[in-house]
């Protein structure tokens, strides 16, 4: 895998993530060995979960606004929710 460029490794990872293709299908489509596909995907995953993630990904604060926390009407529904950038909420458990 040392002769494969970073952009091809990224393209392999993105293709797998987007299509849900397994390693065998990627091997056939890209004409690469199983070892090459596996190492390419793991290289990108390590980049995304390593120092790049801690440096560039900043999650919003995990605090509930006091007006929601004090409200018996809203708090039971938003107790386990986390706010998103667009204002939507999802359960975090």
PDB file of N, CA and C in Angstrom:
ATOM      1  N   UNK A   1       0.810  -1.210   0.000  1.00  0.00           N
ATOM      2  CA  UNK A   1       0.000   0.000   0.000  1.00  0.00           C
ATOM      3  C   UNK A   1       0.847   1.264   0.000  1.00  0.00           C
ATOM      4  N   UNK A   2       2.159   1.116   0.067  1.00  0.00           N
ATOM      5  CA  UNK A   2       2.996   2.316   0.084  1.00  0.00           C
ATOM      6  C   UNK A   2       3.017   3.021  -1.263  1.00  0.00           C
ATOM      7  N   UNK A   3       2.599   2.343  -2.333  1.00  0.00           N
ATOM      8  CA  UNK A   3       2.583   2.958  -3.659  1.00  0.00           C
ATOM      9  C   UNK A   3       1.213   3.537  -4.018  1.00  0.00           C
ATOM     10  N   UNK A   4       0.266   3.458  -3.099  1.00  0.00           N
ATOM     11  CA  UNK A   4      -1.070   3.996  -3.349  1.00  0.00           C
ATOM     12  C   UNK A   4      -1.139   5.398  -2.750  1.00  0.00           C
ATOM     13  N   UNK A   5      -1.600   6.335  -3.534  1.00  0.00           N
ATOM     14  CA  UNK A   5      -1.688   7.721  -3.088  1.00  0.00           C
ATOM     15  C   UNK A   5      -2.808   7.892  -2.066  1.00  0.00           C
ATOM     16  N   UNK A   6      -2.678   8.926  -1.261  1.00  0.00           N
ATOM     17  CA  UNK A   6      -3.667   9.201  -0.215  1.00  0.00           C
ATOM     18  C   UNK A   6      -5.052   9.437  -0.798  1.00  0.00           C
ATOM     19  N   UNK A   7      -5.127  10.089  -1.965  1.00  0.00           N
ATOM     20  CA  UNK A   7      -6.451  10.355  -2.537  1.00  0.00           C
ATOM     21  C   UNK A   7      -7.138   9.067  -2.986  1.00  0.00           C
ATOM     22  N   UNK A   8      -6.381   8.054  -3.405  1.00  0.00           N
ATOM     23  CA  UNK A   8      -7.000   6.769  -3.753  1.00  0.00           C
ATOM     24  C   UNK A   8      -7.474   6.036  -2.501  1.00  0.00           C
ATOM     25  N   UNK A   9      -6.719   6.139  -1.417  1.00  0.00           N
ATOM     26  CA  UNK A   9      -7.151   5.533  -0.151  1.00  0.00           C
ATOM     27  C   UNK A   9      -8.444   6.185   0.332  1.00  0.00           C
ATOM     28  N   UNK A  10      -8.490   7.510   0.238  1.00  0.00           N
ATOM     29  CA  UNK A  10      -9.695   8.233   0.647  1.00  0.00           C
ATOM     30  C   UNK A  10     -10.875   7.866  -0.243  1.00  0.00           C
ATOM     31  N   UNK A  11     -10.641   7.771  -1.547  1.00  0.00           N
ATOM     32  CA  UNK A  11     -11.717   7.403  -2.476  1.00  0.00           C
ATOM     33  C   UNK A  11     -12.230   5.998  -2.182  1.00  0.00           C
ATOM     34  N   UNK A  12     -11.335   5.082  -1.848  1.00  0.00           N
ATOM     35  CA  UNK A  12     -11.735   3.716  -1.490  1.00  0.00           C
ATOM     36  C   UNK A  12     -12.626   3.742  -0.258  1.00  0.00           C
ATOM     37  N   UNK A  13     -12.198   4.486   0.759  1.00  0.00           N
ATOM     38  CA  UNK A  13     -12.982   4.584   1.988  1.00  0.00           C
ATOM     39  C   UNK A  13     -14.347   5.214   1.733  1.00  0.00           C
ATOM     40  N   UNK A  14     -14.372   6.314   0.986  1.00  0.00           N
ATOM     41  CA  UNK A  14     -15.640   6.995   0.714  1.00  0.00           C
ATOM     42  C   UNK A  14     -16.578   6.121  -0.111  1.00  0.00           C
ATOM     43  N   UNK A  15     -16.035   5.377  -1.055  1.00  0.00           N
ATOM     44  CA  UNK A  15     -16.867   4.476  -1.856  1.00  0.00           C
ATOM     45  C   UNK A  15     -17.488   3.400  -0.963  1.00  0.00           C
ATOM     46  N   UNK A  16     -16.684   2.842  -0.065  1.00  0.00           N
ATOM     47  CA  UNK A  16     -17.200   1.824   0.847  1.00  0.00           C
ATOM     48  C   UNK A  16     -18.265   2.413   1.769  1.00  0.00           C
ATOM     49  N   UNK A  17     -17.993   3.605   2.308  1.00  0.00           N
ATOM     50  CA  UNK A  17     -18.931   4.232   3.234  1.00  0.00           C
ATOM     51  C   UNK A  17     -20.234   4.616   2.541  1.00  0.00           C
ATOM     52  N   UNK A  18     -20.151   5.087   1.321  1.00  0.00           N
ATOM     53  CA  UNK A  18     -21.345   5.549   0.598  1.00  0.00           C
ATOM     54  C   UNK A  18     -22.197   4.404   0.083  1.00  0.00           C
ATOM     55  N   UNK A  19     -21.554   3.374  -0.458  1.00  0.00           N
ATOM     56  CA  UNK A  19     -22.312   2.292  -1.094  1.00  0.00           C
ATOM     57  C   UNK A  19     -22.551   1.109  -0.171  1.00  0.00           C
ATOM     58  N   UNK A  20     -21.793   1.026   0.910  1.00  0.00           N
ATOM     59  CA  UNK A  20     -21.919  -0.132   1.786  1.00  0.00           C
ATOM     60  C   UNK A  20     -21.279  -1.374   1.195  1.00  0.00           C
ATOM     61  N   UNK A  21     -20.418  -1.179   0.217  1.00  0.00           N
ATOM     62  CA  UNK A  21     -19.751  -2.310  -0.428  1.00  0.00           C
ATOM     63  C   UNK A  21     -18.837  -3.021   0.563  1.00  0.00           C
ATOM     64  N   UNK A  22     -18.758  -4.339   0.427  1.00  0.00           N
ATOM     65  CA  UNK A  22     -17.828  -5.081   1.264  1.00  0.00           C
ATOM     66  C   UNK A  22     -16.469  -5.153   0.576  1.00  0.00           C
ATOM     67  N   UNK A  23     -15.513  -5.726   1.258  1.00  0.00           N
ATOM     68  CA  UNK A  23     -14.147  -5.775   0.748  1.00  0.00           C
ATOM     69  C   UNK A  23     -14.059  -6.518  -0.582  1.00  0.00           C
ATOM     70  N   UNK A  24     -14.793  -7.593  -0.712  1.00  0.00           N
ATOM     71  CA  UNK A  24     -14.742  -8.384  -1.949  1.00  0.00           C
ATOM     72  C   UNK A  24     -15.193  -7.556  -3.155  1.00  0.00           C
ATOM     73  N   UNK A  25     -16.271  -6.797  -2.995  1.00  0.00           N
ATOM     74  CA  UNK A  25     -16.745  -5.957  -4.100  1.00  0.00           C
ATOM     75  C   UNK A  25     -15.749  -4.845  -4.431  1.00  0.00           C
ATOM     76  N   UNK A  26     -15.128  -4.280  -3.402  1.00  0.00           N
ATOM     77  CA  UNK A  26     -14.121  -3.247  -3.642  1.00  0.00           C
ATOM     78  C   UNK A  26     -12.897  -3.822  -4.355  1.00  0.00           C
ATOM     79  N   UNK A  27     -12.513  -5.037  -3.988  1.00  0.00           N
ATOM     80  CA  UNK A  27     -11.382  -5.686  -4.661  1.00  0.00           C
ATOM     81  C   UNK A  27     -11.654  -5.834  -6.149  1.00  0.00           C
ATOM     82  N   UNK A  28     -12.847  -6.274  -6.470  1.00  0.00           N
ATOM     83  CA  UNK A  28     -13.209  -6.481  -7.871  1.00  0.00           C
ATOM     84  C   UNK A  28     -13.296  -5.151  -8.618  1.00  0.00           C
ATOM     85  N   UNK A  29     -13.945  -4.189  -8.007  1.00  0.00           N
ATOM     86  CA  UNK A  29     -14.147  -2.904  -8.683  1.00  0.00           C
ATOM     87  C   UNK A  29     -12.847  -2.132  -8.885  1.00  0.00           C
ATOM     88  N   UNK A  30     -11.989  -2.137  -7.866  1.00  0.00           N
ATOM     89  CA  UNK A  30     -10.765  -1.340  -7.915  1.00  0.00           C
ATOM     90  C   UNK A  30      -9.545  -2.134  -8.374  1.00  0.00           C
ATOM     91  N   UNK A  31      -9.719  -3.444  -8.547  1.00  0.00           N
ATOM     92  CA  UNK A  31      -8.622  -4.321  -8.965  1.00  0.00           C
ATOM     93  C   UNK A  31      -7.421  -4.206  -8.024  1.00  0.00           C
ATOM     94  N   UNK A  32      -7.720  -4.326  -6.733  1.00  0.00           N
ATOM     95  CA  UNK A  32      -6.695  -4.305  -5.693  1.00  0.00           C
ATOM     96  C   UNK A  32      -6.842  -5.548  -4.830  1.00  0.00           C
ATOM     97  N   UNK A  33      -5.800  -5.899  -4.109  1.00  0.00           N
ATOM     98  CA  UNK A  33      -5.846  -7.075  -3.244  1.00  0.00           C
ATOM     99  C   UNK A  33      -6.647  -6.779  -1.977  1.00  0.00           C
ATOM    100  N   UNK A  34      -7.038  -7.849  -1.285  1.00  0.00           N
ATOM    101  CA  UNK A  34      -7.780  -7.700  -0.033  1.00  0.00           C
ATOM    102  C   UNK A  34      -6.939  -6.947   0.994  1.00  0.00           C
ATOM    103  N   UNK A  35      -5.653  -7.237   1.031  1.00  0.00           N
ATOM    104  CA  UNK A  35      -4.758  -6.572   1.968  1.00  0.00           C
ATOM    105  C   UNK A  35      -4.680  -5.071   1.685  1.00  0.00           C
ATOM    106  N   UNK A  36      -4.599  -4.706   0.429  1.00  0.00           N
ATOM    107  CA  UNK A  36      -4.519  -3.296   0.047  1.00  0.00           C
ATOM    108  C   UNK A  36      -5.795  -2.553   0.419  1.00  0.00           C
ATOM    109  N   UNK A  37      -6.944  -3.158   0.139  1.00  0.00           N
ATOM    110  CA  UNK A  37      -8.230  -2.538   0.487  1.00  0.00           C
ATOM    111  C   UNK A  37      -8.323  -2.355   1.994  1.00  0.00           C
ATOM    112  N   UNK A  38      -8.000  -3.399   2.736  1.00  0.00           N
ATOM    113  CA  UNK A  38      -8.089  -3.351   4.191  1.00  0.00           C
ATOM    114  C   UNK A  38      -7.171  -2.280   4.773  1.00  0.00           C
ATOM    115  N   UNK A  39      -5.929  -2.246   4.319  1.00  0.00           N
ATOM    116  CA  UNK A  39      -4.978  -1.258   4.841  1.00  0.00           C
ATOM    117  C   UNK A  39      -5.379   0.165   4.463  1.00  0.00           C
ATOM    118  N   UNK A  40      -5.924   0.346   3.269  1.00  0.00           N
ATOM    119  CA  UNK A  40      -6.365   1.682   2.847  1.00  0.00           C
ATOM    120  C   UNK A  40      -7.488   2.189   3.740  1.00  0.00           C
ATOM    121  N   UNK A  41      -8.464   1.335   4.002  1.00  0.00           N
ATOM    122  CA  UNK A  41      -9.604   1.721   4.839  1.00  0.00           C
ATOM    123  C   UNK A  41      -9.145   1.993   6.269  1.00  0.00           C
ATOM    124  N   UNK A  42      -8.277   1.140   6.793  1.00  0.00           N
ATOM    125  CA  UNK A  42      -7.794   1.345   8.153  1.00  0.00           C
ATOM    126  C   UNK A  42      -6.939   2.609   8.277  1.00  0.00           C
ATOM    127  N   UNK A  43      -6.189   2.932   7.250  1.00  0.00           N
ATOM    128  CA  UNK A  43      -5.396   4.166   7.270  1.00  0.00           C
ATOM    129  C   UNK A  43      -6.299   5.388   7.408  1.00  0.00           C
ATOM    130  N   UNK A  44      -7.369   5.422   6.619  1.00  0.00           N
ATOM    131  CA  UNK A  44      -8.297   6.558   6.682  1.00  0.00           C
ATOM    132  C   UNK A  44      -9.032   6.578   8.019  1.00  0.00           C
ATOM    133  N   UNK A  45      -9.465   5.416   8.495  1.00  0.00           N
ATOM    134  CA  UNK A  45     -10.142   5.362   9.797  1.00  0.00           C
ATOM    135  C   UNK A  45      -9.232   5.851  10.918  1.00  0.00           C
ATOM    136  N   UNK A  46      -7.972   5.462  10.868  1.00  0.00           N
ATOM    137  CA  UNK A  46      -7.030   5.926  11.893  1.00  0.00           C
ATOM    138  C   UNK A  46      -6.846   7.437  11.838  1.00  0.00           C
ATOM    139  N   UNK A  47      -6.858   7.997  10.656  1.00  0.00           N
ATOM    140  CA  UNK A  47      -6.764   9.461  10.532  1.00  0.00           C
ATOM    141  C   UNK A  47      -7.994  10.141  11.124  1.00  0.00           C
ATOM    142  N   UNK A  48      -9.155   9.570  10.859  1.00  0.00           N
ATOM    143  CA  UNK A  48     -10.400  10.185  11.326  1.00  0.00           C
ATOM    144  C   UNK A  48     -10.609  10.029  12.822  1.00  0.00           C
ATOM    145  N   UNK A  49     -10.032   9.010  13.423  1.00  0.00           N
ATOM    146  CA  UNK A  49     -10.248   8.786  14.850  1.00  0.00           C
ATOM    147  C   UNK A  49      -9.050   9.187  15.695  1.00  0.00           C
ATOM    148  N   UNK A  50      -7.989   9.616  15.088  1.00  0.00           N
ATOM    149  CA  UNK A  50      -6.783   9.975  15.826  1.00  0.00           C
ATOM    150  C   UNK A  50      -6.710  11.454  16.131  1.00  0.00           C
ATOM    151  N   UNK A  51      -5.535  12.013  15.948  1.00  0.00           N
ATOM    152  CA  UNK A  51      -5.293  13.410  16.298  1.00  0.00           C
ATOM    153  C   UNK A  51      -6.096  14.379  15.431  1.00  0.00           C
ATOM    154  N   UNK A  52      -6.398  13.991  14.198  1.00  0.00           N
ATOM    155  CA  UNK A  52      -7.226  14.841  13.335  1.00  0.00           C
ATOM    156  C   UNK A  52      -8.577  15.091  13.991  1.00  0.00           C
ATOM    157  N   UNK A  53      -9.183  14.041  14.522  1.00  0.00           N
ATOM    158  CA  UNK A  53     -10.498  14.150  15.155  1.00  0.00           C
ATOM    159  C   UNK A  53     -10.440  15.075  16.367  1.00  0.00           C
ATOM    160  N   UNK A  54      -9.468  14.850  17.234  1.00  0.00           N
ATOM    161  CA  UNK A  54      -9.403  15.667  18.451  1.00  0.00           C
ATOM    162  C   UNK A  54      -9.057  17.121  18.150  1.00  0.00           C
ATOM    163  N   UNK A  55      -8.350  17.357  17.061  1.00  0.00           N
ATOM    164  CA  UNK A  55      -7.962  18.724  16.719  1.00  0.00           C
ATOM    165  C   UNK A  55      -9.068  19.486  15.993  1.00  0.00           C
ATOM    166  N   UNK A  56      -9.819  18.823  15.111  1.00  0.00           N
ATOM    167  CA  UNK A  56     -10.739  19.530  14.222  1.00  0.00           C
ATOM    168  C   UNK A  56     -12.230  19.329  14.510  1.00  0.00           C
ATOM    169  N   UNK A  57     -12.590  18.316  15.285  1.00  0.00           N
ATOM    170  CA  UNK A  57     -14.007  18.074  15.571  1.00  0.00           C
ATOM    171  C   UNK A  57     -14.318  18.598  16.966  1.00  0.00           C
ATOM    172  N   UNK A  58     -15.242  19.544  17.030  1.00  0.00           N
ATOM    173  CA  UNK A  58     -15.624  20.149  18.305  1.00  0.00           C
ATOM    174  C   UNK A  58     -17.125  19.962  18.494  1.00  0.00           C
ATOM    175  N   UNK A  59     -17.483  19.157  19.479  1.00  0.00           N
ATOM    176  CA  UNK A  59     -18.892  18.902  19.759  1.00  0.00           C
ATOM    177  C   UNK A  59     -19.479  20.066  20.549  1.00  0.00           C
ATOM    178  N   UNK A  60     -20.773  20.311  20.389  1.00  0.00           N
ATOM    179  CA  UNK A  60     -21.404  21.384  21.168  1.00  0.00           C
ATOM    180  C   UNK A  60     -21.415  21.017  22.647  1.00  0.00           C
ATOM    181  N   UNK A  61     -21.521  22.005  23.519  1.00  0.00           N
ATOM    182  CA  UNK A  61     -21.554  21.696  24.952  1.00  0.00           C
ATOM    183  C   UNK A  61     -22.739  20.796  25.277  1.00  0.00           C
ATOM    184  N   UNK A  62     -22.523  19.943  26.254  1.00  0.00           N
ATOM    185  CA  UNK A  62     -23.542  18.960  26.610  1.00  0.00           C
ATOM    186  C   UNK A  62     -24.376  19.444  27.792  1.00  0.00           C
ATOM    187  N   UNK A  63     -24.762  20.702  27.775  1.00  0.00           N
ATOM    188  CA  UNK A  63     -25.532  21.239  28.889  1.00  0.00           C
ATOM    189  C   UNK A  63     -26.963  21.534  28.454  1.00  0.00           C
ATOM    190  N   UNK A  64     -27.876  21.264  29.344  1.00  0.00           N
ATOM    191  CA  UNK A  64     -29.285  21.541  29.094  1.00  0.00           C
ATOM    192  C   UNK A  64     -29.586  22.959  29.571  1.00  0.00           C
ATOM    193  N   UNK A  65     -30.254  23.772  28.759  1.00  0.00           N
ATOM    194  CA  UNK A  65     -30.593  25.132  29.195  1.00  0.00           C
ATOM    195  C   UNK A  65     -31.407  25.101  30.492  1.00  0.00           C
ATOM    196  N   UNK A  66     -31.174  26.050  31.390  1.00  0.00           N
ATOM    197  CA  UNK A  66     -31.863  26.047  32.684  1.00  0.00           C
ATOM    198  C   UNK A  66     -33.384  26.094  32.562  1.00  0.00           C
ATOM    199  N   UNK A  67     -33.899  26.809  31.539  1.00  0.00           N
ATOM    200  CA  UNK A  67     -35.354  26.892  31.406  1.00  0.00           C
ATOM    201  C   UNK A  67     -35.974  25.547  31.018  1.00  0.00           C
ATOM    202  N   UNK A  68     -35.221  24.712  30.325  1.00  0.00           N
ATOM    203  CA  UNK A  68     -35.722  23.375  29.981  1.00  0.00           C
ATOM    204  C   UNK A  68     -35.585  22.456  31.185  1.00  0.00           C
ATOM    205  N   UNK A  69     -34.450  22.543  31.872  1.00  0.00           N
ATOM    206  CA  UNK A  69     -34.203  21.685  33.028  1.00  0.00           C
ATOM    207  C   UNK A  69     -35.205  21.949  34.147  1.00  0.00           C
ATOM    208  N   UNK A  70     -35.621  23.193  34.314  1.00  0.00           N
ATOM    209  CA  UNK A  70     -36.553  23.555  35.381  1.00  0.00           C
ATOM    210  C   UNK A  70     -38.000  23.261  35.012  1.00  0.00           C
ATOM    211  N   UNK A  71     -38.260  22.978  33.756  1.00  0.00           N
ATOM    212  CA  UNK A  71     -39.628  22.766  33.302  1.00  0.00           C
ATOM    213  C   UNK A  71     -40.009  21.288  33.371  1.00  0.00           C
ATOM    214  N   UNK A  72     -41.030  20.995  34.147  1.00  0.00           N
ATOM    215  CA  UNK A  72     -41.547  19.628  34.198  1.00  0.00           C
ATOM    216  C   UNK A  72     -42.214  19.225  32.898  1.00  0.00           C
ATOM    217  N   UNK A  73     -42.558  20.214  32.090  1.00  0.00           N
ATOM    218  CA  UNK A  73     -43.219  19.951  30.814  1.00  0.00           C
ATOM    219  C   UNK A  73     -42.220  19.473  29.751  1.00  0.00           C
ATOM    220  N   UNK A  74     -41.045  20.082  29.699  1.00  0.00           N
ATOM    221  CA  UNK A  74     -40.081  19.776  28.640  1.00  0.00           C
ATOM    222  C   UNK A  74     -38.988  18.794  29.050  1.00  0.00           C
ATOM    223  N   UNK A  75     -38.511  18.873  30.290  1.00  0.00           N
ATOM    224  CA  UNK A  75     -37.335  18.109  30.685  1.00  0.00           C
ATOM    225  C   UNK A  75     -37.479  16.599  30.503  1.00  0.00           C
ATOM    226  N   UNK A  76     -38.625  15.991  30.823  1.00  0.00           N
ATOM    227  CA  UNK A  76     -38.707  14.534  30.616  1.00  0.00           C
ATOM    228  C   UNK A  76     -38.467  14.117  29.160  1.00  0.00           C
ATOM    229  N   UNK A  77     -38.778  14.980  28.218  1.00  0.00           N
ATOM    230  CA  UNK A  77     -38.615  14.640  26.798  1.00  0.00           C
ATOM    231  C   UNK A  77     -37.220  14.977  26.269  1.00  0.00           C
ATOM    232  N   UNK A  78     -36.584  15.980  26.834  1.00  0.00           N
ATOM    233  CA  UNK A  78     -35.276  16.421  26.352  1.00  0.00           C
ATOM    234  C   UNK A  78     -34.134  16.031  27.279  1.00  0.00           C
ATOM    235  N   UNK A  79     -34.408  15.232  28.295  1.00  0.00           N
ATOM    236  CA  UNK A  79     -33.398  14.841  29.276  1.00  0.00           C
ATOM    237  C   UNK A  79     -32.228  14.117  28.607  1.00  0.00           C
ATOM    238  N   UNK A  80     -32.490  13.201  27.697  1.00  0.00           N
ATOM    239  CA  UNK A  80     -31.435  12.414  27.051  1.00  0.00           C
ATOM    240  C   UNK A  80     -31.181  12.844  25.612  1.00  0.00           C
ATOM    241  N   UNK A  81     -31.489  14.084  25.292  1.00  0.00           N
ATOM    242  CA  UNK A  81     -31.289  14.574  23.925  1.00  0.00           C
ATOM    243  C   UNK A  81     -30.058  15.470  23.871  1.00  0.00           C
ATOM    244  N   UNK A  82     -29.471  15.521  22.698  1.00  0.00           N
ATOM    245  CA  UNK A  82     -28.306  16.384  22.485  1.00  0.00           C
ATOM    246  C   UNK A  82     -28.613  17.279  21.303  1.00  0.00           C
ATOM    247  N   UNK A  83     -28.390  18.579  21.442  1.00  0.00           N
ATOM    248  CA  UNK A  83     -28.688  19.516  20.369  1.00  0.00           C
ATOM    249  C   UNK A  83     -27.741  19.352  19.194  1.00  0.00           C
ATOM    250  N   UNK A  84     -28.240  19.568  18.015  1.00  0.00           N
ATOM    251  CA  UNK A  84     -27.428  19.506  16.804  1.00  0.00           C
ATOM    252  C   UNK A  84     -27.272  20.910  16.239  1.00  0.00           C
ATOM    253  N   UNK A  85     -26.439  21.049  15.245  1.00  0.00           N
ATOM    254  CA  UNK A  85     -26.170  22.364  14.658  1.00  0.00           C
ATOM    255  C   UNK A  85     -27.442  22.987  14.101  1.00  0.00           C
ATOM    256  N   UNK A  86     -28.281  22.160  13.484  1.00  0.00           N
ATOM    257  CA  UNK A  86     -29.491  22.696  12.859  1.00  0.00           C
ATOM    258  C   UNK A  86     -30.656  22.818  13.838  1.00  0.00           C
ATOM    259  N   UNK A  87     -30.432  22.540  15.112  1.00  0.00           N
ATOM    260  CA  UNK A  87     -31.478  22.691  16.115  1.00  0.00           C
ATOM    261  C   UNK A  87     -32.307  21.445  16.338  1.00  0.00           C
ATOM    262  N   UNK A  88     -32.089  20.402  15.544  1.00  0.00           N
ATOM    263  CA  UNK A  88     -32.830  19.158  15.758  1.00  0.00           C
ATOM    264  C   UNK A  88     -32.231  18.426  16.957  1.00  0.00           C
ATOM    265  N   UNK A  89     -32.945  17.466  17.472  1.00  0.00           N
ATOM    266  CA  UNK A  89     -32.485  16.711  18.632  1.00  0.00           C
ATOM    267  C   UNK A  89     -32.606  15.221  18.353  1.00  0.00           C
ATOM    268  N   UNK A  90     -31.767  14.449  19.011  1.00  0.00           N
ATOM    269  CA  UNK A  90     -31.855  12.995  18.918  1.00  0.00           C
ATOM    270  C   UNK A  90     -31.498  12.417  20.282  1.00  0.00           C
ATOM    271  N   UNK A  91     -31.971  11.212  20.541  1.00  0.00           N
ATOM    272  CA  UNK A  91     -31.670  10.564  21.813  1.00  0.00           C
ATOM    273  C   UNK A  91     -30.215  10.120  21.825  1.00  0.00           C
ATOM    274  N   UNK A  92     -29.523  10.349  22.925  1.00  0.00           N
ATOM    275  CA  UNK A  92     -28.102  10.023  23.024  1.00  0.00           C
ATOM    276  C   UNK A  92     -27.879   8.796  23.893  1.00  0.00           C
ATOM    277  N   UNK A  93     -28.784   7.870  23.907  1.00  0.00           N
ATOM    278  CA  UNK A  93     -28.613   6.647  24.697  1.00  0.00           C
ATOM    279  C   UNK A  93     -28.893   5.460  23.927  1.00  0.00           C
TER     280      UNK A  93
END
